[in-house]
Amino acid sequence: MTKKSKLFYLLLFFFLYCLGAYSQSSNPFLKSDKPRGNLYSADKRSVLIVFDASGSMEDKINGETKIHIAKRVLEDVLLKATSDINLGLRVYGLSQPANNPYFDCSDSKLLVVPGTNNRRSIVSEIQKILPRGLTPITYSLSQAVQDLRPYKGEKSILLISDGLETCGGDPCQLAQTLVTSNIDLKIDVVGFGVKDDWEAQQQLMCVALSTNGKYYSADSAEQLTQGLTESINKSVTGRIITMLNKPVEVKTEETAGYENIPVIKPEKLDIKRKN
């Protein structure tokens, strides 16, 4: 090989290397999924989205299915979310009911582990969702609490649901158990399209308010956007408020209280299908 040929290939290699480096730094689709910083540091806030993919998400609001509205809104909100927050995704109701209480009522999966550089991974998983299953809210929340256990900073769950628990669990009681166990975690809830379902509203409100979280009522894409944006980007106190004779602020230890969370056993739950 001549000197000119060697020089040519050397320059070509350098050019391709620089082009690749530039592409990865400028194109968000090519960015590395490597986490930024220490995900478990005490100053890092974590939010786990618990998303409803039950069959009723095929119902329509103003001519558009709830699932399509939620997908569109979530993509927009997530891509604009503060970059230093740990975000993750757990989804329930993904599978076609099998008429088996164990499988149907444990149909909840952690699809994206909470992290900082994973927004497009979350969006990608959301776009794959087909609403099919039941609504095991209690089981999903109990799993979400454990998902967040390793994280040391401020933690919250963002539950998006369009109706009642359908597996016989009591998500309100579970939320109250978190408080009495001094577990430092809040649950914000977005009731999506439940304005005509008073029972569902009461159950979802109880989940949020029991943990000193916020309840958002959303009956349109605009209202859903507002609720999700406020919940993800807001600043939380990192404290739990318990109601005794008067409000008392309870400081918690990271490892305390988890042993008091009831173990949800799907095979013992009663199946109640949604109309």
C-alpha atoms as a PDB file:
ATOM      1  CA  MET A   1       0.000   0.000   0.000  1.00  0.00           C
ATOM      2  CA  THR A   2       1.401   3.377  -0.972  1.00  0.00           C
ATOM      3  CA  LYS A   3       1.851   6.283   1.406  1.00  0.00           C
ATOM      4  CA  LYS A   4      -0.976   8.140  -0.357  1.00  0.00           C
ATOM      5  CA  SER A   5      -3.308   5.171   0.140  1.00  0.00           C
ATOM      6  CA  LYS A   6      -2.410   4.932   3.821  1.00  0.00           C
ATOM      7  CA  LEU A   7      -3.010   8.640   4.257  1.00  0.00           C
ATOM      8  CA  PHE A   8      -6.342   8.384   2.461  1.00  0.00           C
ATOM      9  CA  TYR A   9      -7.615   5.564   4.701  1.00  0.00           C
ATOM     10  CA  LEU A  10      -6.352   7.327   7.797  1.00  0.00           C
ATOM     11  CA  LEU A  11      -8.243  10.486   6.874  1.00  0.00           C
ATOM     12  CA  LEU A  12     -11.357   8.440   5.970  1.00  0.00           C
ATOM     13  CA  PHE A  13     -11.274   6.684   9.358  1.00  0.00           C
ATOM     14  CA  PHE A  14     -10.887  10.008  11.171  1.00  0.00           C
ATOM     15  CA  PHE A  15     -13.773  11.517   9.190  1.00  0.00           C
ATOM     16  CA  LEU A  16     -16.128   8.592   9.942  1.00  0.00           C
ATOM     17  CA  TYR A  17     -15.177   8.654  13.628  1.00  0.00           C
ATOM     18  CA  CYS A  18     -15.939  12.373  13.895  1.00  0.00           C
ATOM     19  CA  LEU A  19     -19.205  11.940  11.989  1.00  0.00           C
ATOM     20  CA  GLY A  20     -20.322   9.201  14.365  1.00  0.00           C
ATOM     21  CA  ALA A  21     -19.432  11.237  17.440  1.00  0.00           C
ATOM     22  CA  TYR A  22     -21.299  14.243  16.086  1.00  0.00           C
ATOM     23  CA  SER A  23     -24.378  12.181  15.208  1.00  0.00           C
ATOM     24  CA  GLN A  24     -24.625  10.701  18.685  1.00  0.00           C
ATOM     25  CA  SER A  25     -24.339  14.100  20.329  1.00  0.00           C
ATOM     26  CA  SER A  26     -26.811  15.869  18.037  1.00  0.00           C
ATOM     27  CA  ASN A  27     -29.428  13.245  17.211  1.00  0.00           C
ATOM     28  CA  PRO A  28     -31.637  12.349  20.213  1.00  0.00           C
ATOM     29  CA  PHE A  29     -32.586   9.023  18.645  1.00  0.00           C
ATOM     30  CA  LEU A  30     -28.925   7.952  18.708  1.00  0.00           C
ATOM     31  CA  LYS A  31     -28.074   9.063  22.208  1.00  0.00           C
ATOM     32  CA  SER A  32     -26.710   6.490  24.598  1.00  0.00           C
ATOM     33  CA  ASP A  33     -29.043   5.076  27.250  1.00  0.00           C
ATOM     34  CA  LYS A  34     -26.244   5.286  29.813  1.00  0.00           C
ATOM     35  CA  PRO A  35     -27.620   6.937  32.987  1.00  0.00           C
ATOM     36  CA  ARG A  36     -26.428  10.411  33.863  1.00  0.00           C
ATOM     37  CA  GLY A  37     -24.915  10.667  37.332  1.00  0.00           C
ATOM     38  CA  ASN A  38     -25.916   8.563  40.327  1.00  0.00           C
ATOM     39  CA  LEU A  39     -29.560   7.530  39.944  1.00  0.00           C
ATOM     40  CA  TYR A  40     -29.773   6.632  43.629  1.00  0.00           C
ATOM     41  CA  SER A  41     -28.341   9.796  45.151  1.00  0.00           C
ATOM     42  CA  ALA A  42     -30.368  11.530  47.847  1.00  0.00           C
ATOM     43  CA  ASP A  43     -30.792  14.664  45.738  1.00  0.00           C
ATOM     44  CA  LYS A  44     -32.295  12.788  42.756  1.00  0.00           C
ATOM     45  CA  ARG A  45     -36.082  12.817  42.382  1.00  0.00           C
ATOM     46  CA  SER A  46     -37.822   9.705  41.010  1.00  0.00           C
ATOM     47  CA  VAL A  47     -41.270   9.365  39.436  1.00  0.00           C
ATOM     48  CA  LEU A  48     -42.745   6.021  38.367  1.00  0.00           C
ATOM     49  CA  ILE A  49     -45.682   6.254  35.963  1.00  0.00           C
ATOM     50  CA  VAL A  50     -48.267   3.494  36.486  1.00  0.00           C
ATOM     51  CA  PHE A  51     -50.294   3.411  33.287  1.00  0.00           C
ATOM     52  CA  ASP A  52     -53.747   1.930  32.659  1.00  0.00           C
ATOM     53  CA  ALA A  53     -53.916  -0.366  29.623  1.00  0.00           C
ATOM     54  CA  SER A  54     -57.187  -2.049  30.586  1.00  0.00           C
ATOM     55  CA  GLY A  55     -59.842  -2.786  27.987  1.00  0.00           C
ATOM     56  CA  SER A  56     -61.899   0.288  28.874  1.00  0.00           C
ATOM     57  CA  MET A  57     -59.125   2.533  27.526  1.00  0.00           C
ATOM     58  CA  GLU A  58     -60.636   1.770  24.121  1.00  0.00           C
ATOM     59  CA  ASP A  59     -63.636   3.911  25.093  1.00  0.00           C
ATOM     60  CA  LYS A  60     -63.808   7.239  23.319  1.00  0.00           C
ATOM     61  CA  ILE A  61     -63.708  10.874  24.389  1.00  0.00           C
ATOM     62  CA  ASN A  62     -64.884  13.296  21.713  1.00  0.00           C
ATOM     63  CA  GLY A  63     -64.485  10.638  19.048  1.00  0.00           C
ATOM     64  CA  GLU A  64     -60.928   9.589  19.986  1.00  0.00           C
ATOM     65  CA  THR A  65     -60.067   6.559  22.109  1.00  0.00           C
ATOM     66  CA  LYS A  66     -58.647   7.205  25.566  1.00  0.00           C
ATOM     67  CA  ILE A  67     -55.570   5.149  24.774  1.00  0.00           C
ATOM     68  CA  HIS A  68     -54.712   7.266  21.734  1.00  0.00           C
ATOM     69  CA  ILE A  69     -55.190  10.478  23.687  1.00  0.00           C
ATOM     70  CA  ALA A  70     -53.034   9.186  26.535  1.00  0.00           C
ATOM     71  CA  LYS A  71     -50.272   8.024  24.185  1.00  0.00           C
ATOM     72  CA  ARG A  72     -50.174  11.341  22.361  1.00  0.00           C
ATOM     73  CA  VAL A  73     -50.186  13.418  25.539  1.00  0.00           C
ATOM     74  CA  LEU A  74     -47.638  11.257  27.364  1.00  0.00           C
ATOM     75  CA  GLU A  75     -45.182  11.461  24.475  1.00  0.00           C
ATOM     76  CA  ASP A  76     -45.396  15.240  24.427  1.00  0.00           C
ATOM     77  CA  VAL A  77     -45.107  15.585  28.216  1.00  0.00           C
ATOM     78  CA  LEU A  78     -42.247  13.101  28.584  1.00  0.00           C
ATOM     79  CA  LEU A  79     -40.080  14.636  25.891  1.00  0.00           C
ATOM     80  CA  LYS A  80     -40.435  18.007  27.621  1.00  0.00           C
ATOM     81  CA  ALA A  81     -39.913  16.702  31.157  1.00  0.00           C
ATOM     82  CA  THR A  82     -37.046  17.948  33.300  1.00  0.00           C
ATOM     83  CA  SER A  83     -33.980  15.964  32.259  1.00  0.00           C
ATOM     84  CA  ASP A  84     -32.568  15.272  35.733  1.00  0.00           C
ATOM     85  CA  ILE A  85     -35.658  13.448  37.092  1.00  0.00           C
ATOM     86  CA  ASN A  86     -35.640   9.645  37.213  1.00  0.00           C
ATOM     87  CA  LEU A  87     -38.677   8.533  35.192  1.00  0.00           C
ATOM     88  CA  GLY A  88     -39.931   4.966  34.812  1.00  0.00           C
ATOM     89  CA  LEU A  89     -42.948   3.128  33.404  1.00  0.00           C
ATOM     90  CA  ARG A  90     -45.100   0.311  34.790  1.00  0.00           C
ATOM     91  CA  VAL A  91     -48.199  -0.775  32.850  1.00  0.00           C
ATOM     92  CA  TYR A  92     -51.155  -2.922  33.895  1.00  0.00           C
ATOM     93  CA  GLY A  93     -53.826  -4.595  31.769  1.00  0.00           C
ATOM     94  CA  LEU A  94     -51.559  -5.404  28.830  1.00  0.00           C
ATOM     95  CA  SER A  95     -52.721  -8.992  28.342  1.00  0.00           C
ATOM     96  CA  GLN A  96     -55.962 -10.477  27.089  1.00  0.00           C
ATOM     97  CA  PRO A  97     -57.879 -11.860  30.100  1.00  0.00           C
ATOM     98  CA  ALA A  98     -57.288 -15.592  30.503  1.00  0.00           C
ATOM     99  CA  ASN A  99     -60.100 -16.169  33.036  1.00  0.00           C
ATOM    100  CA  ASN A 100     -57.385 -17.102  35.509  1.00  0.00           C
ATOM    101  CA  PRO A 101     -57.313 -14.855  38.602  1.00  0.00           C
ATOM    102  CA  TYR A 102     -53.591 -15.414  39.180  1.00  0.00           C
ATOM    103  CA  PHE A 103     -52.557 -14.274  35.710  1.00  0.00           C
ATOM    104  CA  ASP A 104     -55.256 -11.652  35.094  1.00  0.00           C
ATOM    105  CA  CYS A 105     -54.771  -9.928  38.432  1.00  0.00           C
ATOM    106  CA  SER A 106     -50.986  -9.917  38.314  1.00  0.00           C
ATOM    107  CA  ASP A 107     -50.962  -8.427  34.819  1.00  0.00           C
ATOM    108  CA  SER A 108     -48.595  -5.587  35.685  1.00  0.00           C
ATOM    109  CA  LYS A 109     -45.131  -5.091  34.220  1.00  0.00           C
ATOM    110  CA  LEU A 110     -42.247  -2.721  34.856  1.00  0.00           C
ATOM    111  CA  LEU A 111     -41.373  -1.864  31.245  1.00  0.00           C
ATOM    112  CA  VAL A 112     -38.798   0.879  31.871  1.00  0.00           C
ATOM    113  CA  VAL A 113     -36.702   1.120  35.045  1.00  0.00           C
ATOM    114  CA  PRO A 114     -36.630   4.687  36.465  1.00  0.00           C
ATOM    115  CA  GLY A 115     -33.706   6.634  35.042  1.00  0.00           C
ATOM    116  CA  THR A 116     -32.765   9.949  33.437  1.00  0.00           C
ATOM    117  CA  ASN A 117     -31.766   9.224  29.856  1.00  0.00           C
ATOM    118  CA  ASN A 118     -34.680   6.989  28.919  1.00  0.00           C
ATOM    119  CA  ARG A 119     -37.484   9.243  27.662  1.00  0.00           C
ATOM    120  CA  ARG A 120     -37.583   7.785  24.186  1.00  0.00           C
ATOM    121  CA  SER A 121     -37.504   4.263  25.602  1.00  0.00           C
ATOM    122  CA  ILE A 122     -40.622   5.097  27.621  1.00  0.00           C
ATOM    123  CA  VAL A 123     -42.334   6.634  24.584  1.00  0.00           C
ATOM    124  CA  SER A 124     -41.433   3.565  22.511  1.00  0.00           C
ATOM    125  CA  GLU A 125     -42.998   1.227  25.077  1.00  0.00           C
ATOM    126  CA  ILE A 126     -46.116   3.369  25.353  1.00  0.00           C
ATOM    127  CA  GLN A 127     -46.648   3.281  21.585  1.00  0.00           C
ATOM    128  CA  LYS A 128     -46.709  -0.547  21.672  1.00  0.00           C
ATOM    129  CA  ILE A 129     -49.531  -0.724  24.227  1.00  0.00           C
ATOM    130  CA  LEU A 130     -52.825  -2.336  23.237  1.00  0.00           C
ATOM    131  CA  PRO A 131     -55.568  -2.056  25.915  1.00  0.00           C
ATOM    132  CA  ARG A 132     -56.902  -5.524  26.704  1.00  0.00           C
ATOM    133  CA  GLY A 133     -56.930  -6.534  30.327  1.00  0.00           C
ATOM    134  CA  LEU A 134     -58.390  -5.912  33.754  1.00  0.00           C
ATOM    135  CA  THR A 135     -57.553  -3.171  36.279  1.00  0.00           C
ATOM    136  CA  PRO A 136     -55.358  -4.549  39.090  1.00  0.00           C
ATOM    137  CA  ILE A 137     -54.599  -1.147  40.637  1.00  0.00           C
ATOM    138  CA  THR A 138     -53.794  -2.435  44.127  1.00  0.00           C
ATOM    139  CA  TYR A 139     -51.375  -5.090  42.902  1.00  0.00           C
ATOM    140  CA  SER A 140     -49.708  -2.612  40.520  1.00  0.00           C
ATOM    141  CA  LEU A 141     -49.229   0.015  43.223  1.00  0.00           C
ATOM    142  CA  SER A 142     -47.754  -2.552  45.608  1.00  0.00           C
ATOM    143  CA  GLN A 143     -45.262  -3.539  42.912  1.00  0.00           C
ATOM    144  CA  ALA A 144     -44.505   0.099  42.096  1.00  0.00           C
ATOM    145  CA  VAL A 145     -43.646   0.800  45.738  1.00  0.00           C
ATOM    146  CA  GLN A 146     -41.068  -1.990  45.598  1.00  0.00           C
ATOM    147  CA  ASP A 147     -39.769  -0.716  42.231  1.00  0.00           C
ATOM    148  CA  LEU A 148     -38.918   2.607  43.892  1.00  0.00           C
ATOM    149  CA  ARG A 149     -37.465   1.135  47.057  1.00  0.00           C
ATOM    150  CA  PRO A 150     -33.769   1.365  45.983  1.00  0.00           C
ATOM    151  CA  TYR A 151     -34.001   5.088  45.212  1.00  0.00           C
ATOM    152  CA  LYS A 152     -32.877   7.399  48.013  1.00  0.00           C
ATOM    153  CA  GLY A 153     -34.240  10.790  46.959  1.00  0.00           C
ATOM    154  CA  GLU A 154     -37.799  12.114  46.750  1.00  0.00           C
ATOM    155  CA  LYS A 155     -40.109   9.505  45.290  1.00  0.00           C
ATOM    156  CA  SER A 156     -43.601   9.525  43.867  1.00  0.00           C
ATOM    157  CA  ILE A 157     -45.934   7.369  41.809  1.00  0.00           C
ATOM    158  CA  LEU A 158     -48.082   8.866  39.058  1.00  0.00           C
ATOM    159  CA  LEU A 159     -51.125   6.627  38.600  1.00  0.00           C
ATOM    160  CA  ILE A 160     -53.163   7.099  35.418  1.00  0.00           C
ATOM    161  CA  SER A 161     -56.468   5.225  35.559  1.00  0.00           C
ATOM    162  CA  ASP A 162     -59.812   5.428  33.808  1.00  0.00           C
ATOM    163  CA  GLY A 163     -61.794   3.500  36.393  1.00  0.00           C
ATOM    164  CA  LEU A 164     -62.149   1.319  39.456  1.00  0.00           C
ATOM    165  CA  GLU A 165     -60.040  -1.571  40.658  1.00  0.00           C
ATOM    166  CA  THR A 166     -61.494  -4.735  39.039  1.00  0.00           C
ATOM    167  CA  CYS A 167     -59.530  -7.438  40.864  1.00  0.00           C
ATOM    168  CA  GLY A 168     -61.066  -7.145  44.310  1.00  0.00           C
ATOM    169  CA  GLY A 169     -58.203  -5.182  45.848  1.00  0.00           C
ATOM    170  CA  ASP A 170     -58.481  -1.956  47.820  1.00  0.00           C
ATOM    171  CA  PRO A 171     -55.968   0.647  46.566  1.00  0.00           C
ATOM    172  CA  CYS A 172     -57.200   3.176  49.127  1.00  0.00           C
ATOM    173  CA  GLN A 173     -56.331   0.820  51.990  1.00  0.00           C
ATOM    174  CA  LEU A 174     -52.921   0.156  50.453  1.00  0.00           C
ATOM    175  CA  ALA A 175     -52.250   3.904  50.251  1.00  0.00           C
ATOM    176  CA  GLN A 176     -53.213   4.317  53.896  1.00  0.00           C
ATOM    177  CA  THR A 177     -50.856   1.458  54.824  1.00  0.00           C
ATOM    178  CA  LEU A 178     -47.984   3.366  53.200  1.00  0.00           C
ATOM    179  CA  VAL A 179     -48.698   6.317  55.459  1.00  0.00           C
ATOM    180  CA  THR A 180     -49.034   4.318  58.666  1.00  0.00           C
ATOM    181  CA  SER A 181     -45.799   2.503  57.751  1.00  0.00           C
ATOM    182  CA  ASN A 182     -44.026   5.884  57.426  1.00  0.00           C
ATOM    183  CA  ILE A 183     -42.946   5.148  53.855  1.00  0.00           C
ATOM    184  CA  ASP A 184     -41.789   8.377  52.267  1.00  0.00           C
ATOM    185  CA  LEU A 185     -43.669   8.191  48.983  1.00  0.00           C
ATOM    186  CA  LYS A 186     -46.536  10.133  47.451  1.00  0.00           C
ATOM    187  CA  ILE A 187     -49.049   8.995  44.873  1.00  0.00           C
ATOM    188  CA  ASP A 188     -50.479  11.483  42.400  1.00  0.00           C
ATOM    189  CA  VAL A 189     -53.507  10.209  40.502  1.00  0.00           C
ATOM    190  CA  VAL A 190     -54.998  11.244  37.172  1.00  0.00           C
ATOM    191  CA  GLY A 191     -58.608  10.097  36.854  1.00  0.00           C
ATOM    192  CA  PHE A 192     -58.978   9.971  33.085  1.00  0.00           C
ATOM    193  CA  GLY A 193     -62.527  10.162  31.778  1.00  0.00           C
ATOM    194  CA  VAL A 194     -64.205   9.237  35.083  1.00  0.00           C
ATOM    195  CA  LYS A 195     -66.374  12.323  35.564  1.00  0.00           C
ATOM    196  CA  ASP A 196     -69.551  10.206  35.343  1.00  0.00           C
ATOM    197  CA  ASP A 197     -68.257   7.453  37.644  1.00  0.00           C
ATOM    198  CA  TRP A 198     -68.552   8.742  41.210  1.00  0.00           C
ATOM    199  CA  GLU A 199     -67.345   5.487  42.787  1.00  0.00           C
ATOM    200  CA  ALA A 200     -64.176   5.484  40.682  1.00  0.00           C
ATOM    201  CA  GLN A 201     -63.527   9.135  41.519  1.00  0.00           C
ATOM    202  CA  GLN A 202     -63.829   8.459  45.241  1.00  0.00           C
ATOM    203  CA  GLN A 203     -61.472   5.482  45.117  1.00  0.00           C
ATOM    204  CA  LEU A 204     -58.835   7.293  43.057  1.00  0.00           C
ATOM    205  CA  MET A 205     -59.086  10.467  45.159  1.00  0.00           C
ATOM    206  CA  CYS A 206     -58.565   8.420  48.318  1.00  0.00           C
ATOM    207  CA  VAL A 207     -55.357   6.916  46.911  1.00  0.00           C
ATOM    208  CA  ALA A 208     -53.925  10.358  46.213  1.00  0.00           C
ATOM    209  CA  LEU A 209     -55.094  12.231  49.286  1.00  0.00           C
ATOM    210  CA  SER A 210     -54.135   9.438  51.703  1.00  0.00           C
ATOM    211  CA  THR A 211     -50.480   9.872  50.695  1.00  0.00           C
ATOM    212  CA  ASN A 212     -50.664  13.669  50.570  1.00  0.00           C
ATOM    213  CA  GLY A 213     -50.535  13.475  46.785  1.00  0.00           C
ATOM    214  CA  LYS A 214     -52.712  15.297  44.277  1.00  0.00           C
ATOM    215  CA  TYR A 215     -55.739  14.129  42.334  1.00  0.00           C
ATOM    216  CA  TYR A 216     -56.252  15.448  38.810  1.00  0.00           C
ATOM    217  CA  SER A 217     -59.511  15.045  36.920  1.00  0.00           C
ATOM    218  CA  ALA A 218     -58.915  14.849  33.173  1.00  0.00           C
ATOM    219  CA  ASP A 219     -61.683  14.641  30.610  1.00  0.00           C
ATOM    220  CA  SER A 220     -59.753  15.985  27.633  1.00  0.00           C
ATOM    221  CA  ALA A 221     -56.278  15.926  26.136  1.00  0.00           C
ATOM    222  CA  GLU A 222     -55.637  19.422  27.501  1.00  0.00           C
ATOM    223  CA  GLN A 223     -56.585  18.499  31.061  1.00  0.00           C
ATOM    224  CA  LEU A 224     -54.539  15.301  30.855  1.00  0.00           C
ATOM    225  CA  THR A 225     -51.513  17.286  29.682  1.00  0.00           C
ATOM    226  CA  GLN A 226     -51.857  19.706  32.590  1.00  0.00           C
ATOM    227  CA  GLY A 227     -52.162  16.954  35.208  1.00  0.00           C
ATOM    228  CA  LEU A 228     -49.213  14.928  33.926  1.00  0.00           C
ATOM    229  CA  THR A 229     -46.974  17.960  33.505  1.00  0.00           C
ATOM    230  CA  GLU A 230     -47.652  19.266  37.005  1.00  0.00           C
ATOM    231  CA  SER A 231     -47.151  15.869  38.623  1.00  0.00           C
ATOM    232  CA  ILE A 232     -43.872  15.075  36.840  1.00  0.00           C
ATOM    233  CA  ASN A 233     -42.236  18.488  37.062  1.00  0.00           C
ATOM    234  CA  LYS A 234     -43.461  19.694  40.438  1.00  0.00           C
ATOM    235  CA  SER A 235     -41.264  19.895  43.525  1.00  0.00           C
ATOM    236  CA  VAL A 236     -42.284  17.595  46.380  1.00  0.00           C
ATOM    237  CA  THR A 237     -41.462  17.942  50.058  1.00  0.00           C
ATOM    238  CA  GLY A 238     -40.203  14.437  50.727  1.00  0.00           C
ATOM    239  CA  ARG A 239     -42.382  14.205  53.858  1.00  0.00           C
ATOM    240  CA  ILE A 240     -45.548  12.360  54.748  1.00  0.00           C
ATOM    241  CA  ILE A 241     -48.451  14.040  56.510  1.00  0.00           C
ATOM    242  CA  THR A 242     -50.425  11.773  58.829  1.00  0.00           C
ATOM    243  CA  MET A 243     -53.773  12.819  60.273  1.00  0.00           C
ATOM    244  CA  LEU A 244     -53.961  12.201  63.993  1.00  0.00           C
ATOM    245  CA  ASN A 245     -55.478  14.845  66.266  1.00  0.00           C
ATOM    246  CA  LYS A 246     -53.596  17.318  64.116  1.00  0.00           C
ATOM    247  CA  PRO A 247     -51.304  17.067  61.091  1.00  0.00           C
ATOM    248  CA  VAL A 248     -47.909  15.669  62.050  1.00  0.00           C
ATOM    249  CA  GLU A 249     -44.853  15.672  59.813  1.00  0.00           C
ATOM    250  CA  VAL A 250     -43.143  12.301  59.906  1.00  0.00           C
ATOM    251  CA  LYS A 251     -39.513  11.952  58.897  1.00  0.00           C
ATOM    252  CA  THR A 252     -38.804   8.494  57.548  1.00  0.00           C
ATOM    253  CA  GLU A 253     -35.865   6.152  57.218  1.00  0.00           C
ATOM    254  CA  GLU A 254     -35.312   4.634  53.793  1.00  0.00           C
ATOM    255  CA  THR A 255     -35.549   1.017  54.970  1.00  0.00           C
ATOM    256  CA  ALA A 256     -38.386   1.499  57.457  1.00  0.00           C
ATOM    257  CA  GLY A 257     -41.984   0.521  56.895  1.00  0.00           C
ATOM    258  CA  TYR A 258     -41.733  -1.701  53.817  1.00  0.00           C
ATOM    259  CA  GLU A 259     -42.262  -4.841  55.863  1.00  0.00           C
ATOM    260  CA  ASN A 260     -45.753  -3.567  56.727  1.00  0.00           C
ATOM    261  CA  ILE A 261     -46.965  -3.417  53.114  1.00  0.00           C
ATOM    262  CA  PRO A 262     -49.533  -6.179  52.601  1.00  0.00           C
ATOM    263  CA  VAL A 263     -48.470  -8.868  50.157  1.00  0.00           C
ATOM    264  CA  ILE A 264     -50.997  -8.860  47.339  1.00  0.00           C
ATOM    265  CA  LYS A 265     -51.768 -12.386  46.186  1.00  0.00           C
ATOM    266  CA  PRO A 266     -53.588 -12.258  42.837  1.00  0.00           C
ATOM    267  CA  GLU A 267     -54.883 -15.830  43.092  1.00  0.00           C
ATOM    268  CA  LYS A 268     -56.978 -14.813  46.115  1.00  0.00           C
ATOM    269  CA  LEU A 269     -58.607 -11.804  44.498  1.00  0.00           C
ATOM    270  CA  ASP A 270     -62.121 -11.814  43.122  1.00  0.00           C
ATOM    271  CA  ILE A 271     -62.397 -11.199  39.397  1.00  0.00           C
ATOM    272  CA  LYS A 272     -64.930  -8.508  38.511  1.00  0.00           C
ATOM    273  CA  ARG A 273     -65.070  -7.760  34.831  1.00  0.00           C
ATOM    274  CA  LYS A 274     -65.684  -4.207  33.663  1.00  0.00           C
ATOM    275  CA  ASN A 275     -68.787  -3.626  31.585  1.00  0.00           C
END
